PDB file of N, CA and C in Angstrom:
ATOM      1  N   UNK A   1     -37.279-125.163 -14.106  1.00  0.00           N
ATOM      2  CA  UNK A   1     -37.366-126.097 -15.012  1.00  0.00           C
ATOM      3  C   UNK A   1     -36.778-127.381 -14.757  1.00  0.00           C
ATOM      4  N   UNK A   2     -35.542-127.229 -14.290  1.00  0.00           N
ATOM      5  CA  UNK A   2     -34.826-128.442 -13.968  1.00  0.00           C
ATOM      6  C   UNK A   2     -35.459-129.315 -12.716  1.00  0.00           C
ATOM      7  N   UNK A   3     -35.946-128.482 -11.942  1.00  0.00           N
ATOM      8  CA  UNK A   3     -36.612-129.079 -10.808  1.00  0.00           C
ATOM      9  C   UNK A   3     -37.750-129.805 -11.332  1.00  0.00           C
ATOM     10  N   UNK A   4     -38.637-129.425 -12.213  1.00  0.00           N
ATOM     11  CA  UNK A   4     -39.607-130.248 -12.924  1.00  0.00           C
ATOM     12  C   UNK A   4     -39.202-131.466 -13.398  1.00  0.00           C
ATOM     13  N   UNK A   5     -37.851-131.768 -13.822  1.00  0.00           N
ATOM     14  CA  UNK A   5     -37.458-132.932 -14.360  1.00  0.00           C
ATOM     15  C   UNK A   5     -36.623-133.647 -13.191  1.00  0.00           C
ATOM     16  N   UNK A   6     -36.960-133.276 -12.204  1.00  0.00           N
ATOM     17  CA  UNK A   6     -36.346-134.005 -10.856  1.00  0.00           C
ATOM     18  C   UNK A   6     -34.644-133.919 -11.034  1.00  0.00           C
ATOM     19  N   UNK A   7     -34.201-132.936 -11.654  1.00  0.00           N
ATOM     20  CA  UNK A   7     -32.594-132.825 -11.573  1.00  0.00           C
ATOM     21  C   UNK A   7     -32.070-132.624 -10.358  1.00  0.00           C
ATOM     22  N   UNK A   8     -30.726-132.978 -10.048  1.00  0.00           N
ATOM     23  CA  UNK A   8     -30.205-132.832  -8.709  1.00  0.00           C
ATOM     24  C   UNK A   8     -30.048-131.304  -8.355  1.00  0.00           C
ATOM     25  N   UNK A   9     -30.059-131.088  -7.009  1.00  0.00           N
ATOM     26  CA  UNK A   9     -30.197-129.767  -6.625  1.00  0.00           C
ATOM     27  C   UNK A   9     -28.822-128.820  -7.071  1.00  0.00           C
ATOM     28  N   UNK A  10     -27.511-129.311  -7.279  1.00  0.00           N
ATOM     29  CA  UNK A  10     -26.529-128.793  -7.632  1.00  0.00           C
ATOM     30  C   UNK A  10     -26.604-128.310  -9.134  1.00  0.00           C
ATOM     31  N   UNK A  11     -27.390-129.122 -10.081  1.00  0.00           N
ATOM     32  CA  UNK A  11     -27.753-128.714 -11.370  1.00  0.00           C
ATOM     33  C   UNK A  11     -28.786-127.416 -11.469  1.00  0.00           C
ATOM     34  N   UNK A  12     -29.617-127.540 -10.496  1.00  0.00           N
ATOM     35  CA  UNK A  12     -30.749-126.327 -10.427  1.00  0.00           C
ATOM     36  C   UNK A  12     -29.848-125.161  -9.938  1.00  0.00           C
ATOM     37  N   UNK A  13     -28.967-125.019  -9.065  1.00  0.00           N
ATOM     38  CA  UNK A  13     -28.188-123.927  -8.676  1.00  0.00           C
ATOM     39  C   UNK A  13     -27.379-123.625  -9.706  1.00  0.00           C
ATOM     40  N   UNK A  14     -26.666-124.341 -10.447  1.00  0.00           N
ATOM     41  CA  UNK A  14     -25.856-124.077 -11.501  1.00  0.00           C
ATOM     42  C   UNK A  14     -26.549-123.441 -12.657  1.00  0.00           C
ATOM     43  N   UNK A  15     -27.880-123.829 -12.907  1.00  0.00           N
ATOM     44  CA  UNK A  15     -28.561-123.217 -13.916  1.00  0.00           C
ATOM     45  C   UNK A  15     -28.956-121.750 -13.521  1.00  0.00           C
ATOM     46  N   UNK A  16     -29.196-121.353 -12.069  1.00  0.00           N
ATOM     47  CA  UNK A  16     -29.468-119.947 -11.827  1.00  0.00           C
ATOM     48  C   UNK A  16     -28.141-119.038 -12.141  1.00  0.00           C
ATOM     49  N   UNK A  17     -26.877-119.778 -12.294  1.00  0.00           N
ATOM     50  CA  UNK A  17     -25.826-118.888 -12.408  1.00  0.00           C
ATOM     51  C   UNK A  17     -25.122-119.233 -13.688  1.00  0.00           C
ATOM     52  N   UNK A  18     -26.002-119.932 -14.693  1.00  0.00           N
ATOM     53  CA  UNK A  18     -25.252-120.342 -15.813  1.00  0.00           C
ATOM     54  C   UNK A  18     -24.567-119.433 -16.967  1.00  0.00           C
ATOM     55  N   UNK A  19     -24.894-118.147 -16.497  1.00  0.00           N
ATOM     56  CA  UNK A  19     -23.923-117.276 -17.322  1.00  0.00           C
ATOM     57  C   UNK A  19     -23.141-116.177 -16.656  1.00  0.00           C
ATOM     58  N   UNK A  20     -22.857-116.561 -15.408  1.00  0.00           N
ATOM     59  CA  UNK A  20     -22.179-115.793 -14.535  1.00  0.00           C
ATOM     60  C   UNK A  20     -20.850-115.264 -14.959  1.00  0.00           C
ATOM     61  N   UNK A  21     -20.152-115.893 -15.934  1.00  0.00           N
ATOM     62  CA  UNK A  21     -18.913-115.512 -16.404  1.00  0.00           C
ATOM     63  C   UNK A  21     -18.966-115.223 -17.755  1.00  0.00           C
ATOM     64  N   UNK A  22     -20.117-114.957 -18.272  1.00  0.00           N
ATOM     65  CA  UNK A  22     -20.380-114.587 -19.641  1.00  0.00           C
ATOM     66  C   UNK A  22     -20.437-115.815 -20.392  1.00  0.00           C
ATOM     67  N   UNK A  23     -20.884-115.631 -21.611  1.00  0.00           N
ATOM     68  CA  UNK A  23     -20.977-116.874 -22.682  1.00  0.00           C
ATOM     69  C   UNK A  23     -20.546-116.336 -23.945  1.00  0.00           C
ATOM     70  N   UNK A  24     -20.395-117.307 -24.959  1.00  0.00           N
ATOM     71  CA  UNK A  24     -20.155-116.775 -26.412  1.00  0.00           C
ATOM     72  C   UNK A  24     -21.172-115.804 -26.856  1.00  0.00           C
ATOM     73  N   UNK A  25     -22.473-115.978 -26.282  1.00  0.00           N
ATOM     74  CA  UNK A  25     -23.614-115.145 -26.658  1.00  0.00           C
ATOM     75  C   UNK A  25     -23.741-113.828 -25.612  1.00  0.00           C
ATOM     76  N   UNK A  26     -23.322-114.024 -24.332  1.00  0.00           N
ATOM     77  CA  UNK A  26     -23.395-112.852 -23.439  1.00  0.00           C
ATOM     78  C   UNK A  26     -22.034-112.673 -23.000  1.00  0.00           C
ATOM     79  N   UNK A  27     -21.285-111.573 -23.762  1.00  0.00           N
ATOM     80  CA  UNK A  27     -20.056-111.173 -23.497  1.00  0.00           C
ATOM     81  C   UNK A  27     -19.910-110.027 -22.536  1.00  0.00           C
ATOM     82  N   UNK A  28     -19.655-110.547 -21.365  1.00  0.00           N
ATOM     83  CA  UNK A  28     -19.476-109.396 -20.317  1.00  0.00           C
ATOM     84  C   UNK A  28     -18.597-110.079 -19.322  1.00  0.00           C
ATOM     85  N   UNK A  29     -17.992-109.362 -18.472  1.00  0.00           N
ATOM     86  CA  UNK A  29     -17.254-109.816 -17.499  1.00  0.00           C
ATOM     87  C   UNK A  29     -17.796-109.183 -15.955  1.00  0.00           C
ATOM     88  N   UNK A  30     -17.726-110.026 -14.892  1.00  0.00           N
ATOM     89  CA  UNK A  30     -18.106-109.582 -13.660  1.00  0.00           C
ATOM     90  C   UNK A  30     -16.912-109.710 -12.719  1.00  0.00           C
ATOM     91  N   UNK A  31     -16.977-108.655 -11.844  1.00  0.00           N
ATOM     92  CA  UNK A  31     -15.770-108.523 -11.029  1.00  0.00           C
ATOM     93  C   UNK A  31     -15.866-109.420  -9.854  1.00  0.00           C
ATOM     94  N   UNK A  32     -15.903-110.899  -9.993  1.00  0.00           N
ATOM     95  CA  UNK A  32     -15.827-111.757  -8.962  1.00  0.00           C
ATOM     96  C   UNK A  32     -14.835-112.979  -9.244  1.00  0.00           C
ATOM     97  N   UNK A  33     -14.367-113.618  -8.374  1.00  0.00           N
ATOM     98  CA  UNK A  33     -13.568-114.842  -8.724  1.00  0.00           C
ATOM     99  C   UNK A  33     -14.248-116.099  -8.524  1.00  0.00           C
ATOM    100  N   UNK A  34     -13.608-117.039  -9.180  1.00  0.00           N
ATOM    101  CA  UNK A  34     -14.424-118.465  -9.090  1.00  0.00           C
ATOM    102  C   UNK A  34     -14.407-118.971  -7.612  1.00  0.00           C
ATOM    103  N   UNK A  35     -13.491-118.608  -6.810  1.00  0.00           N
ATOM    104  CA  UNK A  35     -13.411-118.804  -5.403  1.00  0.00           C
ATOM    105  C   UNK A  35     -14.760-118.177  -4.745  1.00  0.00           C
ATOM    106  N   UNK A  36     -15.015-116.948  -5.025  1.00  0.00           N
ATOM    107  CA  UNK A  36     -16.131-116.337  -4.489  1.00  0.00           C
ATOM    108  C   UNK A  36     -17.427-116.909  -4.878  1.00  0.00           C
ATOM    109  N   UNK A  37     -17.653-117.430  -6.168  1.00  0.00           N
ATOM    110  CA  UNK A  37     -18.549-118.163  -6.685  1.00  0.00           C
ATOM    111  C   UNK A  37     -18.790-119.444  -5.972  1.00  0.00           C
ATOM    112  N   UNK A  38     -17.676-120.224  -5.860  1.00  0.00           N
ATOM    113  CA  UNK A  38     -17.720-121.484  -5.242  1.00  0.00           C
ATOM    114  C   UNK A  38     -18.135-121.520  -3.786  1.00  0.00           C
ATOM    115  N   UNK A  39     -17.816-120.421  -3.030  1.00  0.00           N
ATOM    116  CA  UNK A  39     -18.286-120.192  -1.786  1.00  0.00           C
ATOM    117  C   UNK A  39     -19.550-119.904  -1.677  1.00  0.00           C
ATOM    118  N   UNK A  40     -20.151-119.332  -2.721  1.00  0.00           N
ATOM    119  CA  UNK A  40     -21.580-118.823  -2.772  1.00  0.00           C
ATOM    120  C   UNK A  40     -22.541-119.940  -3.031  1.00  0.00           C
ATOM    121  N   UNK A  41     -22.078-120.922  -4.180  1.00  0.00           N
ATOM    122  CA  UNK A  41     -23.099-121.916  -4.709  1.00  0.00           C
ATOM    123  C   UNK A  41     -22.559-123.226  -4.668  1.00  0.00           C
ATOM    124  N   UNK A  42     -21.219-123.395  -4.296  1.00  0.00           N
ATOM    125  CA  UNK A  42     -20.720-124.759  -4.087  1.00  0.00           C
ATOM    126  C   UNK A  42     -19.762-125.114  -5.241  1.00  0.00           C
ATOM    127  N   UNK A  43     -19.052-126.025  -4.893  1.00  0.00           N
ATOM    128  CA  UNK A  43     -18.002-126.362  -6.038  1.00  0.00           C
ATOM    129  C   UNK A  43     -18.630-127.089  -7.246  1.00  0.00           C
ATOM    130  N   UNK A  44     -19.426-127.874  -6.962  1.00  0.00           N
ATOM    131  CA  UNK A  44     -20.097-128.764  -8.116  1.00  0.00           C
ATOM    132  C   UNK A  44     -20.877-127.624  -9.107  1.00  0.00           C
ATOM    133  N   UNK A  45     -21.834-126.941  -8.478  1.00  0.00           N
ATOM    134  CA  UNK A  45     -22.368-125.865  -9.284  1.00  0.00           C
ATOM    135  C   UNK A  45     -21.645-125.011  -9.928  1.00  0.00           C
ATOM    136  N   UNK A  46     -20.682-124.551  -9.198  1.00  0.00           N
ATOM    137  CA  UNK A  46     -19.799-123.541  -9.962  1.00  0.00           C
ATOM    138  C   UNK A  46     -18.807-124.199 -11.185  1.00  0.00           C
ATOM    139  N   UNK A  47     -18.509-125.492 -11.001  1.00  0.00           N
ATOM    140  CA  UNK A  47     -17.803-126.142 -11.994  1.00  0.00           C
ATOM    141  C   UNK A  47     -18.698-126.111 -13.360  1.00  0.00           C
ATOM    142  N   UNK A  48     -19.989-126.535 -13.194  1.00  0.00           N
ATOM    143  CA  UNK A  48     -21.008-126.655 -14.158  1.00  0.00           C
ATOM    144  C   UNK A  48     -21.186-125.274 -14.794  1.00  0.00           C
ATOM    145  N   UNK A  49     -21.315-124.410 -13.862  1.00  0.00           N
ATOM    146  CA  UNK A  49     -21.395-122.908 -14.462  1.00  0.00           C
ATOM    147  C   UNK A  49     -20.378-122.409 -15.331  1.00  0.00           C
ATOM    148  N   UNK A  50     -19.358-122.662 -14.738  1.00  0.00           N
ATOM    149  CA  UNK A  50     -17.948-122.212 -15.508  1.00  0.00           C
ATOM    150  C   UNK A  50     -17.862-122.991 -16.738  1.00  0.00           C
ATOM    151  N   UNK A  51     -18.050-124.273 -16.832  1.00  0.00           N
ATOM    152  CA  UNK A  51     -17.984-125.004 -18.111  1.00  0.00           C
ATOM    153  C   UNK A  51     -18.939-124.656 -19.215  1.00  0.00           C
ATOM    154  N   UNK A  52     -20.196-124.276 -18.750  1.00  0.00           N
ATOM    155  CA  UNK A  52     -21.242-123.699 -19.473  1.00  0.00           C
ATOM    156  C   UNK A  52     -20.776-122.428 -20.171  1.00  0.00           C
ATOM    157  N   UNK A  53     -20.119-121.573 -19.287  1.00  0.00           N
ATOM    158  CA  UNK A  53     -19.620-120.208 -19.776  1.00  0.00           C
ATOM    159  C   UNK A  53     -18.610-120.252 -20.840  1.00  0.00           C
ATOM    160  N   UNK A  54     -17.803-121.372 -20.687  1.00  0.00           N
ATOM    161  CA  UNK A  54     -16.334-121.225 -21.316  1.00  0.00           C
ATOM    162  C   UNK A  54     -16.282-122.221 -22.481  1.00  0.00           C
ATOM    163  N   UNK A  55     -17.332-122.985 -22.683  1.00  0.00           N
ATOM    164  CA  UNK A  55     -17.201-123.990 -23.974  1.00  0.00           C
ATOM    165  C   UNK A  55     -17.336-123.094 -25.225  1.00  0.00           C
ATOM    166  N   UNK A  56     -16.507-123.522 -26.144  1.00  0.00           N
ATOM    167  CA  UNK A  56     -16.670-123.007 -27.449  1.00  0.00           C
ATOM    168  C   UNK A  56     -17.677-123.704 -28.284  1.00  0.00           C
ATOM    169  N   UNK A  57     -18.399-123.062 -29.113  1.00  0.00           N
ATOM    170  CA  UNK A  57     -19.632-123.689 -29.905  1.00  0.00           C
ATOM    171  C   UNK A  57     -20.308-124.583 -29.042  1.00  0.00           C
ATOM    172  N   UNK A  58     -20.781-123.933 -27.963  1.00  0.00           N
ATOM    173  CA  UNK A  58     -21.298-124.545 -26.794  1.00  0.00           C
ATOM    174  C   UNK A  58     -22.445-125.540 -26.985  1.00  0.00           C
ATOM    175  N   UNK A  59     -23.336-125.021 -27.934  1.00  0.00           N
ATOM    176  CA  UNK A  59     -24.837-125.883 -28.008  1.00  0.00           C
ATOM    177  C   UNK A  59     -24.278-127.231 -28.766  1.00  0.00           C
ATOM    178  N   UNK A  60     -23.574-127.189 -29.782  1.00  0.00           N
ATOM    179  CA  UNK A  60     -22.961-128.357 -30.429  1.00  0.00           C
ATOM    180  C   UNK A  60     -22.083-129.301 -29.693  1.00  0.00           C
ATOM    181  N   UNK A  61     -21.266-128.664 -29.018  1.00  0.00           N
ATOM    182  CA  UNK A  61     -20.335-129.252 -28.007  1.00  0.00           C
ATOM    183  C   UNK A  61     -21.071-130.109 -26.887  1.00  0.00           C
ATOM    184  N   UNK A  62     -22.074-129.539 -26.405  1.00  0.00           N
ATOM    185  CA  UNK A  62     -22.867-130.230 -25.338  1.00  0.00           C
ATOM    186  C   UNK A  62     -23.660-131.183 -26.024  1.00  0.00           C
ATOM    187  N   UNK A  63     -24.590-130.876 -27.060  1.00  0.00           N
ATOM    188  CA  UNK A  63     -25.290-131.939 -27.744  1.00  0.00           C
ATOM    189  C   UNK A  63     -24.531-133.310 -28.125  1.00  0.00           C
ATOM    190  N   UNK A  64     -23.542-132.971 -28.801  1.00  0.00           N
ATOM    191  CA  UNK A  64     -22.788-134.102 -29.237  1.00  0.00           C
ATOM    192  C   UNK A  64     -21.613-134.637 -28.418  1.00  0.00           C
ATOM    193  N   UNK A  65     -21.524-133.952 -27.149  1.00  0.00           N
ATOM    194  CA  UNK A  65     -20.652-134.551 -26.151  1.00  0.00           C
ATOM    195  C   UNK A  65     -19.203-134.379 -26.489  1.00  0.00           C
ATOM    196  N   UNK A  66     -18.832-133.461 -27.222  1.00  0.00           N
ATOM    197  CA  UNK A  66     -17.469-133.325 -27.847  1.00  0.00           C
ATOM    198  C   UNK A  66     -16.438-133.018 -26.434  1.00  0.00           C
ATOM    199  N   UNK A  67     -15.527-133.993 -26.383  1.00  0.00           N
ATOM    200  CA  UNK A  67     -14.623-133.764 -25.402  1.00  0.00           C
ATOM    201  C   UNK A  67     -15.249-133.756 -23.852  1.00  0.00           C
ATOM    202  N   UNK A  68     -16.502-134.091 -23.709  1.00  0.00           N
ATOM    203  CA  UNK A  68     -17.159-133.978 -22.217  1.00  0.00           C
ATOM    204  C   UNK A  68     -17.227-135.396 -21.782  1.00  0.00           C
ATOM    205  N   UNK A  69     -17.025-135.603 -20.442  1.00  0.00           N
ATOM    206  CA  UNK A  69     -17.008-136.866 -19.744  1.00  0.00           C
ATOM    207  C   UNK A  69     -18.452-136.808 -18.954  1.00  0.00           C
ATOM    208  N   UNK A  70     -18.814-137.893 -18.584  1.00  0.00           N
ATOM    209  CA  UNK A  70     -19.955-138.012 -17.579  1.00  0.00           C
ATOM    210  C   UNK A  70     -19.333-137.583 -16.079  1.00  0.00           C
ATOM    211  N   UNK A  71     -20.016-136.980 -15.140  1.00  0.00           N
ATOM    212  CA  UNK A  71     -21.355-136.613 -15.360  1.00  0.00           C
ATOM    213  C   UNK A  71     -21.687-135.315 -16.089  1.00  0.00           C
ATOM    214  N   UNK A  72     -20.643-134.665 -16.526  1.00  0.00           N
ATOM    215  CA  UNK A  72     -20.721-133.279 -17.023  1.00  0.00           C
ATOM    216  C   UNK A  72     -21.456-133.335 -18.115  1.00  0.00           C
ATOM    217  N   UNK A  73     -21.362-134.196 -19.085  1.00  0.00           N
ATOM    218  CA  UNK A  73     -21.944-134.353 -20.430  1.00  0.00           C
ATOM    219  C   UNK A  73     -23.372-134.304 -20.084  1.00  0.00           C
ATOM    220  N   UNK A  74     -24.131-135.249 -19.341  1.00  0.00           N
ATOM    221  CA  UNK A  74     -25.405-135.204 -19.134  1.00  0.00           C
ATOM    222  C   UNK A  74     -26.055-133.893 -18.429  1.00  0.00           C
ATOM    223  N   UNK A  75     -25.206-133.462 -17.300  1.00  0.00           N
ATOM    224  CA  UNK A  75     -25.650-132.210 -16.601  1.00  0.00           C
ATOM    225  C   UNK A  75     -25.732-131.115 -17.536  1.00  0.00           C
ATOM    226  N   UNK A  76     -24.717-130.874 -18.460  1.00  0.00           N
ATOM    227  CA  UNK A  76     -24.649-129.584 -19.313  1.00  0.00           C
ATOM    228  C   UNK A  76     -25.809-129.847 -20.350  1.00  0.00           C
ATOM    229  N   UNK A  77     -26.136-131.141 -20.954  1.00  0.00           N
ATOM    230  CA  UNK A  77     -27.095-131.374 -21.849  1.00  0.00           C
ATOM    231  C   UNK A  77     -28.496-130.896 -21.098  1.00  0.00           C
ATOM    232  N   UNK A  78     -28.766-131.293 -19.752  1.00  0.00           N
ATOM    233  CA  UNK A  78     -29.955-130.818 -19.220  1.00  0.00           C
ATOM    234  C   UNK A  78     -29.979-129.383 -19.172  1.00  0.00           C
ATOM    235  N   UNK A  79     -28.845-128.640 -18.729  1.00  0.00           N
ATOM    236  CA  UNK A  79     -28.801-127.215 -18.616  1.00  0.00           C
ATOM    237  C   UNK A  79     -29.058-126.435 -19.852  1.00  0.00           C
ATOM    238  N   UNK A  80     -28.511-127.130 -20.911  1.00  0.00           N
ATOM    239  CA  UNK A  80     -28.612-126.346 -22.266  1.00  0.00           C
ATOM    240  C   UNK A  80     -30.156-126.573 -22.744  1.00  0.00           C
ATOM    241  N   UNK A  81     -30.391-127.733 -22.667  1.00  0.00           N
ATOM    242  CA  UNK A  81     -31.961-128.088 -23.126  1.00  0.00           C
ATOM    243  C   UNK A  81     -32.900-127.183 -22.448  1.00  0.00           C
ATOM    244  N   UNK A  82     -32.934-127.006 -21.160  1.00  0.00           N
ATOM    245  CA  UNK A  82     -33.722-126.059 -20.376  1.00  0.00           C
ATOM    246  C   UNK A  82     -33.546-124.716 -20.769  1.00  0.00           C
ATOM    247  N   UNK A  83     -32.173-124.238 -20.993  1.00  0.00           N
ATOM    248  CA  UNK A  83     -31.866-122.839 -21.602  1.00  0.00           C
ATOM    249  C   UNK A  83     -32.536-122.549 -22.935  1.00  0.00           C
ATOM    250  N   UNK A  84     -32.334-123.547 -23.720  1.00  0.00           N
ATOM    251  CA  UNK A  84     -32.924-123.324 -25.098  1.00  0.00           C
ATOM    252  C   UNK A  84     -34.574-123.391 -25.019  1.00  0.00           C
ATOM    253  N   UNK A  85     -34.895-124.203 -24.144  1.00  0.00           N
ATOM    254  CA  UNK A  85     -36.498-124.424 -24.099  1.00  0.00           C
ATOM    255  C   UNK A  85     -37.072-123.143 -23.513  1.00  0.00           C
ATOM    256  N   UNK A  86     -36.452-122.571 -22.522  1.00  0.00           N
ATOM    257  CA  UNK A  86     -36.864-121.276 -21.897  1.00  0.00           C
ATOM    258  C   UNK A  86     -36.845-120.051 -22.991  1.00  0.00           C
ATOM    259  N   UNK A  87     -35.768-119.963 -23.758  1.00  0.00           N
ATOM    260  CA  UNK A  87     -35.643-118.971 -24.788  1.00  0.00           C
ATOM    261  C   UNK A  87     -36.453-119.175 -25.982  1.00  0.00           C
ATOM    262  N   UNK A  88     -36.604-120.419 -26.447  1.00  0.00           N
ATOM    263  CA  UNK A  88     -37.221-120.540 -27.725  1.00  0.00           C
ATOM    264  C   UNK A  88     -37.927-122.057 -27.577  1.00  0.00           C
ATOM    265  N   UNK A  89     -39.102-122.117 -27.152  1.00  0.00           N
ATOM    266  CA  UNK A  89     -39.853-123.399 -26.831  1.00  0.00           C
ATOM    267  C   UNK A  89     -40.075-124.133 -28.242  1.00  0.00           C
ATOM    268  N   UNK A  90     -40.124-123.243 -29.374  1.00  0.00           N
ATOM    269  CA  UNK A  90     -40.186-124.015 -30.578  1.00  0.00           C
ATOM    270  C   UNK A  90     -38.991-124.430 -31.427  1.00  0.00           C
ATOM    271  N   UNK A  91     -37.875-124.358 -30.670  1.00  0.00           N
ATOM    272  CA  UNK A  91     -36.360-124.477 -31.382  1.00  0.00           C
ATOM    273  C   UNK A  91     -36.547-125.840 -31.943  1.00  0.00           C
ATOM    274  N   UNK A  92     -35.980-126.218 -33.140  1.00  0.00           N
ATOM    275  CA  UNK A  92     -36.096-127.577 -33.634  1.00  0.00           C
ATOM    276  C   UNK A  92     -34.998-128.456 -33.018  1.00  0.00           C
ATOM    277  N   UNK A  93     -33.899-127.707 -32.504  1.00  0.00           N
ATOM    278  CA  UNK A  93     -32.791-128.513 -31.795  1.00  0.00           C
ATOM    279  C   UNK A  93     -33.322-129.092 -30.537  1.00  0.00           C
ATOM    280  N   UNK A  94     -34.332-128.838 -29.864  1.00  0.00           N
ATOM    281  CA  UNK A  94     -34.985-129.347 -28.763  1.00  0.00           C
ATOM    282  C   UNK A  94     -35.161-130.781 -28.974  1.00  0.00           C
ATOM    283  N   UNK A  95     -35.721-131.014 -30.052  1.00  0.00           N
ATOM    284  CA  UNK A  95     -35.806-132.591 -30.400  1.00  0.00           C
ATOM    285  C   UNK A  95     -34.633-133.427 -30.247  1.00  0.00           C
ATOM    286  N   UNK A  96     -33.511-132.810 -30.645  1.00  0.00           N
ATOM    287  CA  UNK A  96     -32.119-133.567 -30.615  1.00  0.00           C
ATOM    288  C   UNK A  96     -31.743-133.837 -29.070  1.00  0.00           C
ATOM    289  N   UNK A  97     -31.904-132.798 -28.487  1.00  0.00           N
ATOM    290  CA  UNK A  97     -31.786-132.882 -27.002  1.00  0.00           C
ATOM    291  C   UNK A  97     -32.675-133.958 -26.329  1.00  0.00           C
ATOM    292  N   UNK A  98     -33.852-134.020 -26.681  1.00  0.00           N
ATOM    293  CA  UNK A  98     -34.723-134.830 -26.218  1.00  0.00           C
ATOM    294  C   UNK A  98     -34.456-136.430 -26.516  1.00  0.00           C
ATOM    295  N   UNK A  99     -33.932-136.610 -27.635  1.00  0.00           N
ATOM    296  CA  UNK A  99     -33.362-138.054 -27.943  1.00  0.00           C
ATOM    297  C   UNK A  99     -32.172-138.333 -27.103  1.00  0.00           C
ATOM    298  N   UNK A 100     -31.205-137.501 -26.994  1.00  0.00           N
ATOM    299  CA  UNK A 100     -29.968-137.800 -26.117  1.00  0.00           C
ATOM    300  C   UNK A 100     -30.298-137.920 -24.698  1.00  0.00           C
ATOM    301  N   UNK A 101     -31.315-137.188 -24.319  1.00  0.00           N
ATOM    302  CA  UNK A 101     -31.802-137.071 -22.772  1.00  0.00           C
ATOM    303  C   UNK A 101     -32.916-138.370 -22.616  1.00  0.00           C
ATOM    304  N   UNK A 102     -33.334-138.784 -23.495  1.00  0.00           N
ATOM    305  CA  UNK A 102     -34.296-139.901 -23.501  1.00  0.00           C
ATOM    306  C   UNK A 102     -35.522-139.369 -22.820  1.00  0.00           C
ATOM    307  N   UNK A 103     -36.098-138.154 -23.262  1.00  0.00           N
ATOM    308  CA  UNK A 103     -37.172-137.646 -22.679  1.00  0.00           C
ATOM    309  C   UNK A 103     -38.201-137.291 -23.906  1.00  0.00           C
TER     310      UNK A 103
END
């Protein structure tokens, strides 16, 4: 989906690993280190995947940019937008993401 929006390659790769470390919704642990994931997908992609997995109140934190700086804020917004759109295409919160993403 990110490819369809012409998002950068590292964002697309991060999306493939967006829950590798577990999330507040997917609570599990994998027996891999951050270094192993960095070696596999690159530091930029791993950084985004790690942020996505470790943010508290993730959806709102990303949507409202709480304590996030660019470029992470925009990258995470695209990742969360596509994640929600994939899981629930009729979710009303998608409209709010579309406003902040200017789509």
